[in-house]
């Protein structure tokens, strides 16, 4: 994230992306979508409560 950019490789395709952190209400909305099909993430969040917030990064193709 500190670099602000990265290369994504998917199969034989590779492309540049801009990296930004999703925060606030947007992060909460993304988090809810993530834990719905994978409740283990919710358990992990409870274990790290008060220690860290699990970040979500948005990758935008350049």
N, C-alpha and C. Protein backbone atom coordinates (compact mmCIF):
# COMPACT_ATOMS: atom_id res chain seq x y z
N UNK A 1 0.83 -1.18 0.00
CA UNK A 1 0.00 0.00 0.00
C UNK A 1 0.88 1.25 0.00
N UNK A 2 1.99 1.22 0.69
CA UNK A 2 2.84 2.39 0.77
C UNK A 2 3.33 2.83 -0.61
N UNK A 3 3.53 1.88 -1.51
CA UNK A 3 4.00 2.22 -2.85
C UNK A 3 2.90 2.89 -3.66
N UNK A 4 1.64 2.58 -3.36
CA UNK A 4 0.53 3.19 -4.07
C UNK A 4 0.24 2.58 -5.42
N UNK A 5 1.07 1.61 -5.82
CA UNK A 5 0.85 0.94 -7.10
C UNK A 5 1.40 -0.47 -7.02
N UNK A 6 0.93 -1.31 -7.92
CA UNK A 6 1.37 -2.70 -7.92
C UNK A 6 1.08 -3.31 -9.29
N UNK A 7 1.57 -4.52 -9.47
CA UNK A 7 1.26 -5.30 -10.65
C UNK A 7 0.46 -6.52 -10.22
N UNK A 8 -0.65 -6.75 -10.89
CA UNK A 8 -1.50 -7.91 -10.62
C UNK A 8 -1.27 -8.92 -11.73
N UNK A 9 -1.10 -10.17 -11.34
CA UNK A 9 -0.98 -11.24 -12.32
C UNK A 9 -2.15 -12.20 -12.13
N UNK A 10 -2.91 -12.42 -13.19
CA UNK A 10 -4.05 -13.34 -13.16
C UNK A 10 -3.92 -14.25 -14.37
N UNK A 11 -3.55 -15.49 -14.11
CA UNK A 11 -3.29 -16.40 -15.22
C UNK A 11 -2.10 -15.89 -16.02
N UNK A 12 -2.30 -15.69 -17.31
CA UNK A 12 -1.21 -15.18 -18.14
C UNK A 12 -1.29 -13.67 -18.34
N UNK A 13 -2.28 -13.04 -17.73
CA UNK A 13 -2.47 -11.59 -17.85
C UNK A 13 -1.77 -10.88 -16.69
N UNK A 14 -1.13 -9.77 -16.97
CA UNK A 14 -0.52 -8.93 -15.94
C UNK A 14 -0.87 -7.48 -16.25
N UNK A 15 -1.20 -6.71 -15.21
CA UNK A 15 -1.55 -5.31 -15.43
C UNK A 15 -1.23 -4.50 -14.18
N UNK A 16 -1.08 -3.20 -14.38
CA UNK A 16 -0.75 -2.26 -13.31
C UNK A 16 -2.03 -1.81 -12.61
N UNK A 17 -1.93 -1.62 -11.30
CA UNK A 17 -3.06 -1.11 -10.52
C UNK A 17 -2.58 -0.02 -9.58
N UNK A 18 -3.51 0.83 -9.20
CA UNK A 18 -3.30 1.81 -8.14
C UNK A 18 -3.91 1.20 -6.89
N UNK A 19 -3.21 1.33 -5.75
CA UNK A 19 -3.65 0.73 -4.50
C UNK A 19 -4.10 1.83 -3.55
N UNK A 20 -5.29 1.68 -2.98
CA UNK A 20 -5.77 2.62 -1.97
C UNK A 20 -6.52 1.85 -0.89
N UNK A 21 -6.50 2.39 0.32
CA UNK A 21 -7.17 1.72 1.43
C UNK A 21 -8.64 2.15 1.47
N UNK A 22 -9.52 1.20 1.72
CA UNK A 22 -10.95 1.46 1.88
C UNK A 22 -11.18 1.71 3.37
N UNK A 23 -11.80 2.84 3.73
CA UNK A 23 -11.97 3.21 5.13
C UNK A 23 -13.41 3.60 5.44
N UNK A 24 -13.68 3.78 6.73
CA UNK A 24 -14.98 4.28 7.18
C UNK A 24 -16.14 3.38 6.82
N UNK A 25 -17.23 4.01 6.41
CA UNK A 25 -18.45 3.27 6.08
C UNK A 25 -18.24 2.34 4.89
N UNK A 26 -17.42 2.76 3.94
CA UNK A 26 -17.14 1.90 2.78
C UNK A 26 -16.45 0.62 3.24
N UNK A 27 -15.48 0.74 4.16
CA UNK A 27 -14.78 -0.43 4.69
C UNK A 27 -15.77 -1.35 5.41
N UNK A 28 -16.66 -0.78 6.20
CA UNK A 28 -17.65 -1.57 6.94
C UNK A 28 -18.55 -2.35 5.98
N UNK A 29 -18.94 -1.72 4.87
CA UNK A 29 -19.79 -2.36 3.87
C UNK A 29 -19.05 -3.52 3.20
N UNK A 30 -17.79 -3.30 2.85
CA UNK A 30 -16.98 -4.36 2.22
C UNK A 30 -16.76 -5.49 3.22
N UNK A 31 -16.50 -5.14 4.47
CA UNK A 31 -16.28 -6.15 5.51
C UNK A 31 -17.51 -7.05 5.65
N UNK A 32 -18.69 -6.46 5.67
CA UNK A 32 -19.92 -7.24 5.80
C UNK A 32 -20.08 -8.22 4.63
N UNK A 33 -19.72 -7.78 3.43
CA UNK A 33 -19.80 -8.68 2.27
C UNK A 33 -18.77 -9.81 2.38
N UNK A 34 -17.62 -9.53 2.98
CA UNK A 34 -16.58 -10.54 3.10
C UNK A 34 -16.94 -11.61 4.13
N UNK A 35 -17.47 -11.21 5.27
CA UNK A 35 -17.76 -12.18 6.33
C UNK A 35 -19.03 -12.98 6.08
N UNK A 36 -19.89 -12.49 5.21
CA UNK A 36 -21.12 -13.23 4.94
C UNK A 36 -20.85 -14.64 4.43
N UNK A 37 -20.05 -14.82 3.38
CA UNK A 37 -19.77 -16.19 2.91
C UNK A 37 -18.61 -16.87 3.65
N UNK A 38 -17.85 -16.10 4.41
CA UNK A 38 -16.66 -16.65 5.09
C UNK A 38 -16.63 -16.17 6.54
N UNK A 39 -17.47 -16.74 7.42
CA UNK A 39 -17.60 -16.25 8.78
C UNK A 39 -16.31 -16.35 9.60
N UNK A 40 -15.34 -17.11 9.15
CA UNK A 40 -14.06 -17.19 9.87
C UNK A 40 -13.38 -15.84 9.99
N UNK A 41 -13.63 -14.97 9.02
CA UNK A 41 -13.06 -13.62 9.09
C UNK A 41 -13.61 -12.87 10.30
N UNK A 42 -14.87 -13.08 10.60
CA UNK A 42 -15.48 -12.43 11.76
C UNK A 42 -14.83 -12.91 13.05
N UNK A 43 -14.53 -14.20 13.12
CA UNK A 43 -13.84 -14.74 14.30
C UNK A 43 -12.47 -14.09 14.46
N UNK A 44 -11.75 -13.93 13.36
CA UNK A 44 -10.43 -13.32 13.40
C UNK A 44 -10.53 -11.87 13.86
N UNK A 45 -11.54 -11.15 13.39
CA UNK A 45 -11.72 -9.76 13.80
C UNK A 45 -11.93 -9.68 15.31
N UNK A 46 -12.71 -10.59 15.87
CA UNK A 46 -12.95 -10.60 17.31
C UNK A 46 -11.66 -10.83 18.08
N UNK A 47 -10.78 -11.70 17.56
CA UNK A 47 -9.50 -12.00 18.22
C UNK A 47 -8.55 -10.82 18.21
N UNK A 48 -8.69 -9.95 17.22
CA UNK A 48 -7.78 -8.81 17.10
C UNK A 48 -8.41 -7.50 17.54
N UNK A 49 -9.62 -7.56 18.10
CA UNK A 49 -10.33 -6.35 18.55
C UNK A 49 -9.46 -5.56 19.52
N UNK A 50 -9.36 -4.26 19.27
CA UNK A 50 -8.56 -3.39 20.13
C UNK A 50 -7.08 -3.43 19.81
N UNK A 51 -6.67 -4.36 18.95
CA UNK A 51 -5.26 -4.49 18.59
C UNK A 51 -5.03 -3.92 17.19
N UNK A 52 -5.88 -4.30 16.28
CA UNK A 52 -5.73 -3.84 14.90
C UNK A 52 -7.07 -3.92 14.18
N UNK A 53 -7.18 -3.13 13.13
CA UNK A 53 -8.33 -3.19 12.23
C UNK A 53 -7.81 -3.85 10.96
N UNK A 54 -8.51 -4.86 10.51
CA UNK A 54 -8.10 -5.56 9.30
C UNK A 54 -8.32 -4.63 8.11
N UNK A 55 -7.27 -4.30 7.39
CA UNK A 55 -7.42 -3.35 6.28
C UNK A 55 -8.01 -4.00 5.03
N UNK A 56 -8.66 -3.19 4.24
CA UNK A 56 -9.14 -3.60 2.92
C UNK A 56 -8.51 -2.67 1.91
N UNK A 57 -7.95 -3.23 0.87
CA UNK A 57 -7.31 -2.44 -0.17
C UNK A 57 -8.10 -2.54 -1.46
N UNK A 58 -8.23 -1.41 -2.13
CA UNK A 58 -8.90 -1.37 -3.42
C UNK A 58 -7.83 -1.29 -4.49
N UNK A 59 -7.93 -2.15 -5.48
CA UNK A 59 -7.00 -2.15 -6.60
C UNK A 59 -7.76 -1.64 -7.83
N UNK A 60 -7.29 -0.54 -8.38
CA UNK A 60 -7.94 0.06 -9.55
C UNK A 60 -7.00 -0.09 -10.74
N UNK A 61 -7.48 -0.78 -11.75
CA UNK A 61 -6.65 -1.00 -12.94
C UNK A 61 -6.29 0.33 -13.60
N UNK A 62 -5.01 0.47 -13.96
CA UNK A 62 -4.55 1.71 -14.62
C UNK A 62 -4.49 1.52 -16.11
